[in-house]
Each structure stands twice: as structure tokens, then as C-alpha cells.
Amino acid sequence: MTYIVNDKCINCKHTDCVEVCPVDCFYEGENMLVIHPDECIDCGVCEPECPPEAILPDSEEGAEEWVEFNRKYSEIWPNITQMKDSMENAEKFANEENKLDLYFSEKPGKGD
């Protein structure tokens, strides 16, 4: 099992999860984070730290597609190991639907 980040993270990008991760398996895109599924040790400490509930175990319904999504972008985006401020207007976007189609950016973030 591994944990994944889904589209609820887009335009929010809270990094509370990064701060608690014992293996530094988060990677930063321009407007979201992903988890490298081969680096995640399935400890689950990140899941309750995510305000928009964008982190789920891969055993959750609908999470299968997100495993490969997280793998793809964790291999090209920079690693992030420290907490940063969430995105401006994160609360505005927290419950919006179809964020992947509307806002997703493949551009990398700045990393640490």
C-alpha cells in the first residue's frame, strides 16, 4: 500500500503533510504536491495533516489512477521536505470540483 495525493490539492498545496513525512517522499509542482509511491512507507502520518483531505491510501475507491499520476510527477518535480505557506486563496479552491481539468499545471515547483 502507498498513499496518494489527488486533485483536491490543486491550488491549495498545503504543506503540513511534508513537515511530518519521515521519508521525504513529497514532490512539488507549481500548484500541487504528489507522493512518490515507491518511497512512501505507508505510515499514514500525512493523511490527517491535509486540510482538503487530498491524501488517501491507494486502497480507497478511485485512488488507482492517482498512483500512476503521483509516480509520473514525482519523477520530474523537485523534492520538498520543508513546510511552506499554502497557496493564496487556498480556501476558495478547497471544495471546487474538476480542479484537474480546470487548473492543473505540469510545471515543477521550486522544491526546497
Protein backbone atom coordinates (compact mmCIF):
# COMPACT_ATOMS: atom_id res chain seq x y z
CA MET A 1 0.00 0.00 0.00
CA THR A 2 1.00 3.61 -0.57
CA TYR A 3 -0.61 7.00 -0.13
CA ILE A 4 -1.54 9.29 -3.00
CA VAL A 5 -2.36 12.94 -3.47
CA ASN A 6 -5.41 13.65 -5.61
CA ASP A 7 -6.79 16.74 -7.34
CA LYS A 8 -8.15 18.22 -4.11
CA CYS A 9 -4.60 19.51 -3.57
CA ILE A 10 -4.62 21.63 -6.74
CA ASN A 11 -4.48 25.36 -5.98
CA CYS A 12 -4.30 24.64 -2.24
CA LYS A 13 -0.89 23.00 -1.80
CA HIS A 14 -0.83 22.93 1.97
CA THR A 15 2.48 21.51 3.09
CA ASP A 16 1.63 20.37 6.61
CA CYS A 17 1.98 16.82 5.25
CA VAL A 18 5.53 17.46 4.11
CA GLU A 19 6.58 18.52 7.59
CA VAL A 20 5.54 15.20 9.18
CA CYS A 21 6.75 12.81 6.45
CA PRO A 22 9.60 10.69 7.88
CA VAL A 23 10.95 9.68 4.45
CA ASP A 24 10.64 12.93 2.46
CA CYS A 25 8.57 11.39 -0.34
CA PHE A 26 6.68 14.55 -1.38
CA TYR A 27 7.37 16.36 -4.64
CA GLU A 28 6.27 19.85 -5.56
CA GLY A 29 4.54 21.02 -8.69
CA GLU A 30 3.57 24.58 -9.45
CA ASN A 31 0.13 24.17 -7.86
CA MET A 32 0.04 20.78 -6.09
CA LEU A 33 2.09 18.11 -4.37
CA VAL A 34 2.48 14.40 -5.13
CA ILE A 35 3.86 11.41 -3.24
CA HIS A 36 6.40 9.05 -4.80
CA PRO A 37 4.66 5.67 -4.37
CA ASP A 38 7.94 3.71 -4.19
CA GLU A 39 9.33 5.94 -1.45
CA CYS A 40 6.20 6.10 0.72
CA ILE A 41 6.44 3.74 3.70
CA ASP A 42 2.68 3.68 4.27
CA CYS A 43 2.91 5.18 7.75
CA GLY A 44 -0.13 7.41 7.19
CA VAL A 45 1.04 10.35 9.28
CA CYS A 46 0.49 12.71 6.35
CA GLU A 47 -3.18 11.89 5.78
CA PRO A 48 -4.69 13.68 8.81
CA GLU A 49 -2.45 16.71 8.20
CA CYS A 50 -4.12 17.55 4.86
CA PRO A 51 -6.88 20.19 5.32
CA PRO A 52 -8.65 19.48 1.98
CA GLU A 53 -8.36 15.68 2.52
CA ALA A 54 -6.37 15.26 -0.70
CA ILE A 55 -4.21 12.44 0.69
CA LEU A 56 -5.68 8.94 0.62
CA PRO A 57 -4.41 5.36 0.80
CA ASP A 58 -4.26 3.69 -2.59
CA SER A 59 -6.83 1.17 -1.34
CA GLU A 60 -9.58 3.85 -1.45
CA GLU A 61 -12.02 3.64 -4.33
CA GLY A 62 -10.82 5.74 -7.27
CA ALA A 63 -7.25 6.01 -5.99
CA GLU A 64 -5.73 3.58 -8.51
CA GLU A 65 -5.43 6.19 -11.27
CA TRP A 66 -3.73 8.56 -8.84
CA VAL A 67 -0.90 6.13 -8.08
CA GLU A 68 0.47 6.46 -11.62
CA PHE A 69 -0.24 10.20 -11.66
CA ASN A 70 1.80 10.61 -8.45
CA ARG A 71 4.57 8.38 -9.81
CA LYS A 72 4.82 10.33 -13.07
CA TYR A 73 5.14 13.74 -11.48
CA SER A 74 7.29 12.66 -8.53
CA GLU A 75 9.89 11.59 -11.09
CA ILE A 76 10.07 15.05 -12.70
CA TRP A 77 9.19 17.52 -9.96
CA PRO A 78 11.63 18.58 -7.21
CA ASN A 79 11.55 17.03 -3.76
CA ILE A 80 10.10 19.13 -0.95
CA THR A 81 10.99 18.44 2.67
CA GLN A 82 10.01 21.65 4.46
CA MET A 83 6.70 23.29 5.19
CA LYS A 84 5.80 26.37 3.12
CA ASP A 85 2.84 28.70 3.09
CA SER A 86 -0.20 27.31 1.29
CA MET A 87 -1.25 28.92 -1.97
CA GLU A 88 -3.02 32.25 -1.90
CA ASN A 89 -6.80 31.77 -1.88
CA ALA A 90 -6.43 28.07 -0.98
CA GLU A 91 -9.70 28.11 0.95
CA LYS A 92 -11.52 29.45 -2.12
CA PHE A 93 -10.44 26.41 -4.14
CA ALA A 94 -10.71 23.78 -1.38
CA ASN A 95 -14.12 22.37 -2.34
CA GLU A 96 -14.16 23.14 -6.04
CA GLU A 97 -14.87 20.27 -8.44
CA ASN A 98 -12.94 19.36 -11.64
CA LYS A 99 -9.75 21.05 -10.49
CA LEU A 100 -7.61 18.67 -12.55
CA ASP A 101 -9.24 19.78 -15.79
CA LEU A 102 -9.53 23.43 -14.81
CA TYR A 103 -6.26 24.29 -13.07
CA PHE A 104 -3.62 21.54 -13.10
CA SER A 105 -0.13 22.63 -14.14
CA GLU A 106 2.62 20.20 -15.12
CA LYS A 107 5.23 22.84 -14.28
CA PRO A 108 7.53 21.97 -11.40
CA GLY A 109 7.53 23.85 -8.15
CA LYS A 110 10.60 25.33 -6.57
CA GLY A 111 11.31 22.45 -4.19
CA ASP A 112 13.47 23.20 -1.14
